[in-house]
Every structure is written in C-alpha cells, then in structure tokens.
Amino acid sequence: MLETHIRFMAQVNRQAAAEKKKEIIDAMRSLSRMPQRFPFFEELYITPNKYHRMFIEKWYLVLYQIQDDTVYVEYILDCRKEYSWLIR
C-alpha cells in the first residue's frame, strides 16, 4: 500500500514523494516504542480491540495489530480516498 501511495505522488513531485515515504516509514518505526499509545480503530464491522489506528500528518491512517512483542502493519490508507470497503 505504501508503494502505491508513493508511486502516485511521485508522478506529480518526486521530492515530495520521497519526503512523504520517509515520514511514513519513520512514523511506523516509532511503533517499536510504546505501540499501545494509539487508540483502537472502532468501526461497526471491525472486531473490537483488534487494530490500533495511527494518523500521520494530514492524510494517512495506519492500522496495525500488536501480537506479543510484534507490531503488524495491516493497512496504510490515504484518508482523502473512500475506504468503506474496509468496514463492510
């Protein structure tokens, strides 16, 4: 998902795409420290207390799970797009 977002952005501005990629990766790496700091993603059709949600800057939403001592990033969503497919 990250690759798709960055590739699209690079069509307009390569430097901005590289900077955004670094920003998103740095944010995801920060989950190695206290990943529970972000709240759970709560939607009607999503299993309660399964995914945490982390917003990055203005437009990106990262959904991840914590299992034992490992963080699994499941989705990277561009919030400017419609993502009702996720909550059905």
PDB file of N, CA and C in Angstrom:
ATOM      1  N   MET A   1       0.817  -1.192   0.000  1.00  0.00           N
ATOM      2  CA  MET A   1       0.000   0.000   0.000  1.00  0.00           C
ATOM      3  C   MET A   1       0.860   1.254   0.000  1.00  0.00           C
ATOM      4  N   LEU A   2       1.932   1.222   0.760  1.00  0.00           N
ATOM      5  CA  LEU A   2       2.818   2.380   0.797  1.00  0.00           C
ATOM      6  C   LEU A   2       3.389   2.650  -0.593  1.00  0.00           C
ATOM      7  N   GLU A   3       3.804   1.604  -1.264  1.00  0.00           N
ATOM      8  CA  GLU A   3       4.372   1.762  -2.600  1.00  0.00           C
ATOM      9  C   GLU A   3       3.378   2.412  -3.555  1.00  0.00           C
ATOM     10  N   THR A   4       2.133   2.017  -3.482  1.00  0.00           N
ATOM     11  CA  THR A   4       1.107   2.581  -4.345  1.00  0.00           C
ATOM     12  C   THR A   4       0.927   4.065  -4.086  1.00  0.00           C
ATOM     13  N   HIS A   5       0.876   4.464  -2.824  1.00  0.00           N
ATOM     14  CA  HIS A   5       0.712   5.875  -2.473  1.00  0.00           C
ATOM     15  C   HIS A   5       1.896   6.699  -2.964  1.00  0.00           C
ATOM     16  N   ILE A   6       3.093   6.203  -2.725  1.00  0.00           N
ATOM     17  CA  ILE A   6       4.296   6.958  -3.071  1.00  0.00           C
ATOM     18  C   ILE A   6       4.470   7.031  -4.588  1.00  0.00           C
ATOM     19  N   ARG A   7       4.195   5.959  -5.277  1.00  0.00           N
ATOM     20  CA  ARG A   7       4.310   5.964  -6.744  1.00  0.00           C
ATOM     21  C   ARG A   7       3.362   6.998  -7.350  1.00  0.00           C
ATOM     22  N   PHE A   8       2.147   7.045  -6.842  1.00  0.00           N
ATOM     23  CA  PHE A   8       1.168   8.023  -7.333  1.00  0.00           C
ATOM     24  C   PHE A   8       1.671   9.441  -7.085  1.00  0.00           C
ATOM     25  N   MET A   9       2.156   9.699  -5.891  1.00  0.00           N
ATOM     26  CA  MET A   9       2.644  11.027  -5.538  1.00  0.00           C
ATOM     27  C   MET A   9       3.865  11.408  -6.375  1.00  0.00           C
ATOM     28  N   ALA A  10       4.724  10.451  -6.678  1.00  0.00           N
ATOM     29  CA  ALA A  10       5.950  10.714  -7.438  1.00  0.00           C
ATOM     30  C   ALA A  10       5.649  11.160  -8.868  1.00  0.00           C
ATOM     31  N   GLN A  11       4.491  10.814  -9.380  1.00  0.00           N
ATOM     32  CA  GLN A  11       4.115  11.264 -10.715  1.00  0.00           C
ATOM     33  C   GLN A  11       3.976  12.776 -10.764  1.00  0.00           C
ATOM     34  N   VAL A  12       3.663  13.370  -9.628  1.00  0.00           N
ATOM     35  CA  VAL A  12       3.495  14.816  -9.539  1.00  0.00           C
ATOM     36  C   VAL A  12       4.780  15.487  -9.048  1.00  0.00           C
ATOM     37  N   ASN A  13       5.370  14.913  -7.978  1.00  0.00           N
ATOM     38  CA  ASN A  13       6.549  15.540  -7.377  1.00  0.00           C
ATOM     39  C   ASN A  13       7.398  14.461  -6.710  1.00  0.00           C
ATOM     40  N   ARG A  14       8.517  14.143  -7.335  1.00  0.00           N
ATOM     41  CA  ARG A  14       9.388  13.074  -6.827  1.00  0.00           C
ATOM     42  C   ARG A  14       9.959  13.397  -5.445  1.00  0.00           C
ATOM     43  N   GLN A  15      10.372  14.627  -5.244  1.00  0.00           N
ATOM     44  CA  GLN A  15      10.965  15.006  -3.963  1.00  0.00           C
ATOM     45  C   GLN A  15       9.925  14.926  -2.837  1.00  0.00           C
ATOM     46  N   ALA A  16       8.726  15.419  -3.101  1.00  0.00           N
ATOM     47  CA  ALA A  16       7.663  15.338  -2.087  1.00  0.00           C
ATOM     48  C   ALA A  16       7.332  13.882  -1.783  1.00  0.00           C
ATOM     49  N   ALA A  17       7.356  13.036  -2.791  1.00  0.00           N
ATOM     50  CA  ALA A  17       7.078  11.605  -2.591  1.00  0.00           C
ATOM     51  C   ALA A  17       8.151  10.971  -1.702  1.00  0.00           C
ATOM     52  N   ALA A  18       9.403  11.297  -1.958  1.00  0.00           N
ATOM     53  CA  ALA A  18      10.494  10.748  -1.146  1.00  0.00           C
ATOM     54  C   ALA A  18      10.381  11.218   0.306  1.00  0.00           C
ATOM     55  N   GLU A  19      10.042  12.476   0.495  1.00  0.00           N
ATOM     56  CA  GLU A  19       9.894  13.011   1.851  1.00  0.00           C
ATOM     57  C   GLU A  19       8.712  12.356   2.575  1.00  0.00           C
ATOM     58  N   LYS A  20       7.598  12.166   1.854  1.00  0.00           N
ATOM     59  CA  LYS A  20       6.422  11.547   2.476  1.00  0.00           C
ATOM     60  C   LYS A  20       6.712  10.090   2.832  1.00  0.00           C
ATOM     61  N   LYS A  21       7.435   9.384   1.951  1.00  0.00           N
ATOM     62  CA  LYS A  21       7.799   7.997   2.229  1.00  0.00           C
ATOM     63  C   LYS A  21       8.622   7.921   3.517  1.00  0.00           C
ATOM     64  N   LYS A  22       9.605   8.803   3.645  1.00  0.00           N
ATOM     65  CA  LYS A  22      10.436   8.825   4.854  1.00  0.00           C
ATOM     66  C   LYS A  22       9.581   9.126   6.086  1.00  0.00           C
ATOM     67  N   GLU A  23       8.679  10.068   5.974  1.00  0.00           N
ATOM     68  CA  GLU A  23       7.820  10.444   7.092  1.00  0.00           C
ATOM     69  C   GLU A  23       6.950   9.260   7.551  1.00  0.00           C
ATOM     70  N   ILE A  24       6.365   8.552   6.593  1.00  0.00           N
ATOM     71  CA  ILE A  24       5.504   7.421   6.929  1.00  0.00           C
ATOM     72  C   ILE A  24       6.312   6.283   7.538  1.00  0.00           C
ATOM     73  N   ILE A  25       7.454   5.980   6.945  1.00  0.00           N
ATOM     74  CA  ILE A  25       8.296   4.900   7.480  1.00  0.00           C
ATOM     75  C   ILE A  25       8.795   5.243   8.878  1.00  0.00           C
ATOM     76  N   ASP A  26       9.223   6.489   9.083  1.00  0.00           N
ATOM     77  CA  ASP A  26       9.669   6.906  10.421  1.00  0.00           C
ATOM     78  C   ASP A  26       8.542   6.770  11.445  1.00  0.00           C
ATOM     79  N   ALA A  27       7.327   7.153  11.046  1.00  0.00           N
ATOM     80  CA  ALA A  27       6.184   7.043  11.962  1.00  0.00           C
ATOM     81  C   ALA A  27       5.915   5.580  12.307  1.00  0.00           C
ATOM     82  N   MET A  28       5.974   4.717  11.305  1.00  0.00           N
ATOM     83  CA  MET A  28       5.735   3.292  11.581  1.00  0.00           C
ATOM     84  C   MET A  28       6.847   2.704  12.440  1.00  0.00           C
ATOM     85  N   ARG A  29       8.074   3.124  12.212  1.00  0.00           N
ATOM     86  CA  ARG A  29       9.182   2.632  13.049  1.00  0.00           C
ATOM     87  C   ARG A  29       9.035   3.093  14.494  1.00  0.00           C
ATOM     88  N   SER A  30       8.387   4.233  14.694  1.00  0.00           N
ATOM     89  CA  SER A  30       8.202   4.731  16.063  1.00  0.00           C
ATOM     90  C   SER A  30       7.304   3.801  16.870  1.00  0.00           C
ATOM     91  N   LEU A  31       6.582   2.917  16.186  1.00  0.00           N
ATOM     92  CA  LEU A  31       5.724   1.965  16.895  1.00  0.00           C
ATOM     93  C   LEU A  31       6.526   0.956  17.698  1.00  0.00           C
ATOM     94  N   SER A  32       7.824   0.888  17.444  1.00  0.00           N
ATOM     95  CA  SER A  32       8.662  -0.013  18.247  1.00  0.00           C
ATOM     96  C   SER A  32       8.740   0.466  19.696  1.00  0.00           C
ATOM     97  N   ARG A  33       8.420   1.735  19.903  1.00  0.00           N
ATOM     98  CA  ARG A  33       8.380   2.301  21.251  1.00  0.00           C
ATOM     99  C   ARG A  33       6.920   2.599  21.605  1.00  0.00           C
ATOM    100  N   MET A  34       6.411   1.886  22.541  1.00  0.00           N
ATOM    101  CA  MET A  34       5.070   2.123  23.074  1.00  0.00           C
ATOM    102  C   MET A  34       3.971   2.087  21.995  1.00  0.00           C
ATOM    103  N   PRO A  35       3.804   0.985  21.314  1.00  0.00           N
ATOM    104  CA  PRO A  35       2.796   0.918  20.252  1.00  0.00           C
ATOM    105  C   PRO A  35       1.360   1.042  20.756  1.00  0.00           C
ATOM    106  N   GLN A  36       1.144   0.837  22.038  1.00  0.00           N
ATOM    107  CA  GLN A  36      -0.206   0.945  22.603  1.00  0.00           C
ATOM    108  C   GLN A  36      -0.658   2.389  22.764  1.00  0.00           C
ATOM    109  N   ARG A  37       0.186   3.339  22.462  1.00  0.00           N
ATOM    110  CA  ARG A  37      -0.148   4.746  22.688  1.00  0.00           C
ATOM    111  C   ARG A  37      -1.267   5.256  21.784  1.00  0.00           C
ATOM    112  N   PHE A  38      -1.550   4.541  20.707  1.00  0.00           N
ATOM    113  CA  PHE A  38      -2.619   4.955  19.806  1.00  0.00           C
ATOM    114  C   PHE A  38      -3.887   4.169  20.110  1.00  0.00           C
ATOM    115  N   PRO A  39      -5.044   4.812  19.928  1.00  0.00           N
ATOM    116  CA  PRO A  39      -6.316   4.142  20.280  1.00  0.00           C
ATOM    117  C   PRO A  39      -6.681   3.042  19.282  1.00  0.00           C
ATOM    118  N   PHE A  40      -7.652   2.260  19.683  1.00  0.00           N
ATOM    119  CA  PHE A  40      -8.162   1.223  18.791  1.00  0.00           C
ATOM    120  C   PHE A  40      -9.015   1.853  17.693  1.00  0.00           C
ATOM    121  N   PHE A  41      -9.025   1.204  16.553  1.00  0.00           N
ATOM    122  CA  PHE A  41      -9.864   1.583  15.425  1.00  0.00           C
ATOM    123  C   PHE A  41     -11.238   0.957  15.676  1.00  0.00           C
ATOM    124  N   GLU A  42     -12.235   1.795  15.862  1.00  0.00           N
ATOM    125  CA  GLU A  42     -13.553   1.296  16.220  1.00  0.00           C
ATOM    126  C   GLU A  42     -14.541   1.584  15.097  1.00  0.00           C
ATOM    127  N   GLU A  43     -14.971   0.521  14.458  1.00  0.00           N
ATOM    128  CA  GLU A  43     -15.994   0.585  13.423  1.00  0.00           C
ATOM    129  C   GLU A  43     -16.945  -0.575  13.652  1.00  0.00           C
ATOM    130  N   LEU A  44     -18.144  -0.427  13.181  1.00  0.00           N
ATOM    131  CA  LEU A  44     -19.192  -1.402  13.442  1.00  0.00           C
ATOM    132  C   LEU A  44     -18.814  -2.821  13.025  1.00  0.00           C
ATOM    133  N   TYR A  45     -18.196  -2.986  11.862  1.00  0.00           N
ATOM    134  CA  TYR A  45     -17.925  -4.327  11.344  1.00  0.00           C
ATOM    135  C   TYR A  45     -16.485  -4.794  11.542  1.00  0.00           C
ATOM    136  N   ILE A  46     -15.740  -4.093  12.360  1.00  0.00           N
ATOM    137  CA  ILE A  46     -14.361  -4.477  12.664  1.00  0.00           C
ATOM    138  C   ILE A  46     -14.346  -5.099  14.056  1.00  0.00           C
ATOM    139  N   THR A  47     -13.641  -6.184  14.211  1.00  0.00           N
ATOM    140  CA  THR A  47     -13.528  -6.831  15.515  1.00  0.00           C
ATOM    141  C   THR A  47     -13.023  -5.821  16.549  1.00  0.00           C
ATOM    142  N   PRO A  48     -13.735  -5.651  17.648  1.00  0.00           N
ATOM    143  CA  PRO A  48     -13.313  -4.678  18.670  1.00  0.00           C
ATOM    144  C   PRO A  48     -11.911  -5.000  19.217  1.00  0.00           C
ATOM    145  N   ASN A  49     -11.170  -3.957  19.495  1.00  0.00           N
ATOM    146  CA  ASN A  49      -9.840  -4.054  20.111  1.00  0.00           C
ATOM    147  C   ASN A  49      -8.859  -4.898  19.292  1.00  0.00           C
ATOM    148  N   LYS A  50      -9.016  -4.892  17.983  1.00  0.00           N
ATOM    149  CA  LYS A  50      -8.110  -5.656  17.128  1.00  0.00           C
ATOM    150  C   LYS A  50      -7.035  -4.769  16.518  1.00  0.00           C
ATOM    151  N   TYR A  51      -7.444  -3.663  15.911  1.00  0.00           N
ATOM    152  CA  TYR A  51      -6.499  -2.771  15.232  1.00  0.00           C
ATOM    153  C   TYR A  51      -6.343  -1.472  15.999  1.00  0.00           C
ATOM    154  N   HIS A  52      -5.117  -1.006  16.078  1.00  0.00           N
ATOM    155  CA  HIS A  52      -4.852   0.343  16.557  1.00  0.00           C
ATOM    156  C   HIS A  52      -4.811   1.250  15.336  1.00  0.00           C
ATOM    157  N   ARG A  53      -5.064   2.543  15.564  1.00  0.00           N
ATOM    158  CA  ARG A  53      -5.016   3.491  14.451  1.00  0.00           C
ATOM    159  C   ARG A  53      -4.034   4.619  14.758  1.00  0.00           C
ATOM    160  N   MET A  54      -3.220   4.915  13.785  1.00  0.00           N
ATOM    161  CA  MET A  54      -2.251   5.998  13.911  1.00  0.00           C
ATOM    162  C   MET A  54      -2.428   6.918  12.708  1.00  0.00           C
ATOM    163  N   PHE A  55      -2.715   8.193  12.970  1.00  0.00           N
ATOM    164  CA  PHE A  55      -2.800   9.166  11.889  1.00  0.00           C
ATOM    165  C   PHE A  55      -1.419   9.760  11.660  1.00  0.00           C
ATOM    166  N   ILE A  56      -1.074   9.925  10.398  1.00  0.00           N
ATOM    167  CA  ILE A  56       0.202  10.532  10.035  1.00  0.00           C
ATOM    168  C   ILE A  56      -0.089  11.806   9.268  1.00  0.00           C
ATOM    169  N   GLU A  57       0.378  12.907   9.843  1.00  0.00           N
ATOM    170  CA  GLU A  57       0.207  14.226   9.255  1.00  0.00           C
ATOM    171  C   GLU A  57      -1.258  14.449   8.922  1.00  0.00           C
ATOM    172  N   LYS A  58      -1.567  14.838   7.707  1.00  0.00           N
ATOM    173  CA  LYS A  58      -2.943  15.200   7.386  1.00  0.00           C
ATOM    174  C   LYS A  58      -3.743  14.063   6.760  1.00  0.00           C
ATOM    175  N   TRP A  59      -3.107  13.173   6.043  1.00  0.00           N
ATOM    176  CA  TRP A  59      -3.888  12.316   5.153  1.00  0.00           C
ATOM    177  C   TRP A  59      -3.765  10.821   5.354  1.00  0.00           C
ATOM    178  N   TYR A  60      -2.864  10.345   6.143  1.00  0.00           N
ATOM    179  CA  TYR A  60      -2.638   8.904   6.177  1.00  0.00           C
ATOM    180  C   TYR A  60      -3.070   8.288   7.504  1.00  0.00           C
ATOM    181  N   LEU A  61      -3.655   7.116   7.380  1.00  0.00           N
ATOM    182  CA  LEU A  61      -4.110   6.347   8.525  1.00  0.00           C
ATOM    183  C   LEU A  61      -3.438   4.985   8.450  1.00  0.00           C
ATOM    184  N   VAL A  62      -2.735   4.617   9.509  1.00  0.00           N
ATOM    185  CA  VAL A  62      -2.080   3.312   9.586  1.00  0.00           C
ATOM    186  C   VAL A  62      -2.851   2.479  10.597  1.00  0.00           C
ATOM    187  N   LEU A  63      -3.278   1.299  10.158  1.00  0.00           N
ATOM    188  CA  LEU A  63      -3.956   0.360  11.047  1.00  0.00           C
ATOM    189  C   LEU A  63      -3.006  -0.792  11.311  1.00  0.00           C
ATOM    190  N   TYR A  64      -2.832  -1.112  12.579  1.00  0.00           N
ATOM    191  CA  TYR A  64      -1.873  -2.152  12.941  1.00  0.00           C
ATOM    192  C   TYR A  64      -2.371  -2.956  14.131  1.00  0.00           C
ATOM    193  N   GLN A  65      -1.809  -4.145  14.259  1.00  0.00           N
ATOM    194  CA  GLN A  65      -2.104  -5.033  15.382  1.00  0.00           C
ATOM    195  C   GLN A  65      -0.834  -5.231  16.204  1.00  0.00           C
ATOM    196  N   ILE A  66      -1.028  -5.522  17.450  1.00  0.00           N
ATOM    197  CA  ILE A  66       0.086  -5.871  18.328  1.00  0.00           C
ATOM    198  C   ILE A  66      -0.154  -7.305  18.788  1.00  0.00           C
ATOM    199  N   GLN A  67       0.794  -8.165  18.504  1.00  0.00           N
ATOM    200  CA  GLN A  67       0.717  -9.552  18.965  1.00  0.00           C
ATOM    201  C   GLN A  67       2.022  -9.880  19.665  1.00  0.00           C
ATOM    202  N   ASP A  68       1.909 -10.177  20.938  1.00  0.00           N
ATOM    203  CA  ASP A  68       3.081 -10.376  21.792  1.00  0.00           C
ATOM    204  C   ASP A  68       3.928  -9.113  21.746  1.00  0.00           C
ATOM    205  N   ASP A  69       5.149  -9.211  21.275  1.00  0.00           N
ATOM    206  CA  ASP A  69       6.020  -8.028  21.194  1.00  0.00           C
ATOM    207  C   ASP A  69       6.218  -7.556  19.760  1.00  0.00           C
ATOM    208  N   THR A  70       5.317  -7.946  18.868  1.00  0.00           N
ATOM    209  CA  THR A  70       5.466  -7.620  17.457  1.00  0.00           C
ATOM    210  C   THR A  70       4.307  -6.759  16.980  1.00  0.00           C
ATOM    211  N   VAL A  71       4.630  -5.736  16.194  1.00  0.00           N
ATOM    212  CA  VAL A  71       3.631  -4.871  15.580  1.00  0.00           C
ATOM    213  C   VAL A  71       3.495  -5.273  14.114  1.00  0.00           C
ATOM    214  N   TYR A  72       2.263  -5.507  13.701  1.00  0.00           N
ATOM    215  CA  TYR A  72       1.975  -5.861  12.309  1.00  0.00           C
ATOM    216  C   TYR A  72       1.149  -4.747  11.680  1.00  0.00           C
ATOM    217  N   VAL A  73       1.732  -4.045  10.717  1.00  0.00           N
ATOM    218  CA  VAL A  73       1.001  -3.009   9.998  1.00  0.00           C
ATOM    219  C   VAL A  73       0.134  -3.716   8.960  1.00  0.00           C
ATOM    220  N   GLU A  74      -1.164  -3.514   9.050  1.00  0.00           N
ATOM    221  CA  GLU A  74      -2.109  -4.193   8.161  1.00  0.00           C
ATOM    222  C   GLU A  74      -2.522  -3.316   6.986  1.00  0.00           C
ATOM    223  N   TYR A  75      -2.754  -2.030   7.246  1.00  0.00           N
ATOM    224  CA  TYR A  75      -3.235  -1.128   6.202  1.00  0.00           C
ATOM    225  C   TYR A  75      -2.584   0.236   6.334  1.00  0.00           C
ATOM    226  N   ILE A  76      -2.325   0.854   5.187  1.00  0.00           N
ATOM    227  CA  ILE A  76      -1.916   2.255   5.120  1.00  0.00           C
ATOM    228  C   ILE A  76      -2.923   2.909   4.189  1.00  0.00           C
ATOM    229  N   LEU A  77      -3.770   3.755   4.739  1.00  0.00           N
ATOM    230  CA  LEU A  77      -4.869   4.333   3.978  1.00  0.00           C
ATOM    231  C   LEU A  77      -4.662   5.823   3.746  1.00  0.00           C
ATOM    232  N   ASP A  78      -4.966   6.253   2.555  1.00  0.00           N
ATOM    233  CA  ASP A  78      -4.994   7.674   2.227  1.00  0.00           C
ATOM    234  C   ASP A  78      -6.398   8.146   2.574  1.00  0.00           C
ATOM    235  N   CYS A  79      -6.533   8.978   3.572  1.00  0.00           N
ATOM    236  CA  CYS A  79      -7.850   9.378   4.070  1.00  0.00           C
ATOM    237  C   CYS A  79      -8.607  10.277   3.105  1.00  0.00           C
ATOM    238  N   ARG A  80      -7.952  10.721   2.047  1.00  0.00           N
ATOM    239  CA  ARG A  80      -8.656  11.511   1.038  1.00  0.00           C
ATOM    240  C   ARG A  80      -9.482  10.610   0.128  1.00  0.00           C
ATOM    241  N   LYS A  81      -9.217   9.317   0.196  1.00  0.00           N
ATOM    242  CA  LYS A  81      -9.955   8.357  -0.620  1.00  0.00           C
ATOM    243  C   LYS A  81     -11.028   7.697   0.224  1.00  0.00           C
ATOM    244  N   GLU A  82     -11.979   7.105  -0.428  1.00  0.00           N
ATOM    245  CA  GLU A  82     -13.080   6.435   0.231  1.00  0.00           C
ATOM    246  C   GLU A  82     -12.635   5.016   0.600  1.00  0.00           C
ATOM    247  N   TYR A  83     -12.820   4.620   1.836  1.00  0.00           N
ATOM    248  CA  TYR A  83     -12.370   3.284   2.234  1.00  0.00           C
ATOM    249  C   TYR A  83     -13.478   2.499   2.940  1.00  0.00           C
ATOM    250  N   SER A  84     -14.682   2.639   2.461  1.00  0.00           N
ATOM    251  CA  SER A  84     -15.782   1.884   3.074  1.00  0.00           C
ATOM    252  C   SER A  84     -15.620   0.380   2.862  1.00  0.00           C
ATOM    253  N   TRP A  85     -14.828  -0.024   1.853  1.00  0.00           N
ATOM    254  CA  TRP A  85     -14.562  -1.450   1.629  1.00  0.00           C
ATOM    255  C   TRP A  85     -13.940  -2.097   2.860  1.00  0.00           C
ATOM    256  N   LEU A  86     -13.261  -1.295   3.659  1.00  0.00           N
ATOM    257  CA  LEU A  86     -12.580  -1.838   4.837  1.00  0.00           C
ATOM    258  C   LEU A  86     -13.568  -2.168   5.953  1.00  0.00           C
ATOM    259  N   ILE A  87     -14.627  -1.430   6.047  1.00  0.00           N
ATOM    260  CA  ILE A  87     -15.532  -1.590   7.192  1.00  0.00           C
ATOM    261  C   ILE A  87     -16.813  -2.317   6.845  1.00  0.00           C
ATOM    262  N   ARG A  88     -16.841  -2.994   5.718  1.00  0.00           N
ATOM    263  CA  ARG A  88     -18.028  -3.801   5.340  1.00  0.00           C
ATOM    264  C   ARG A  88     -17.837  -5.228   5.728  1.00  0.00           C
TER     265      ARG A  88
END
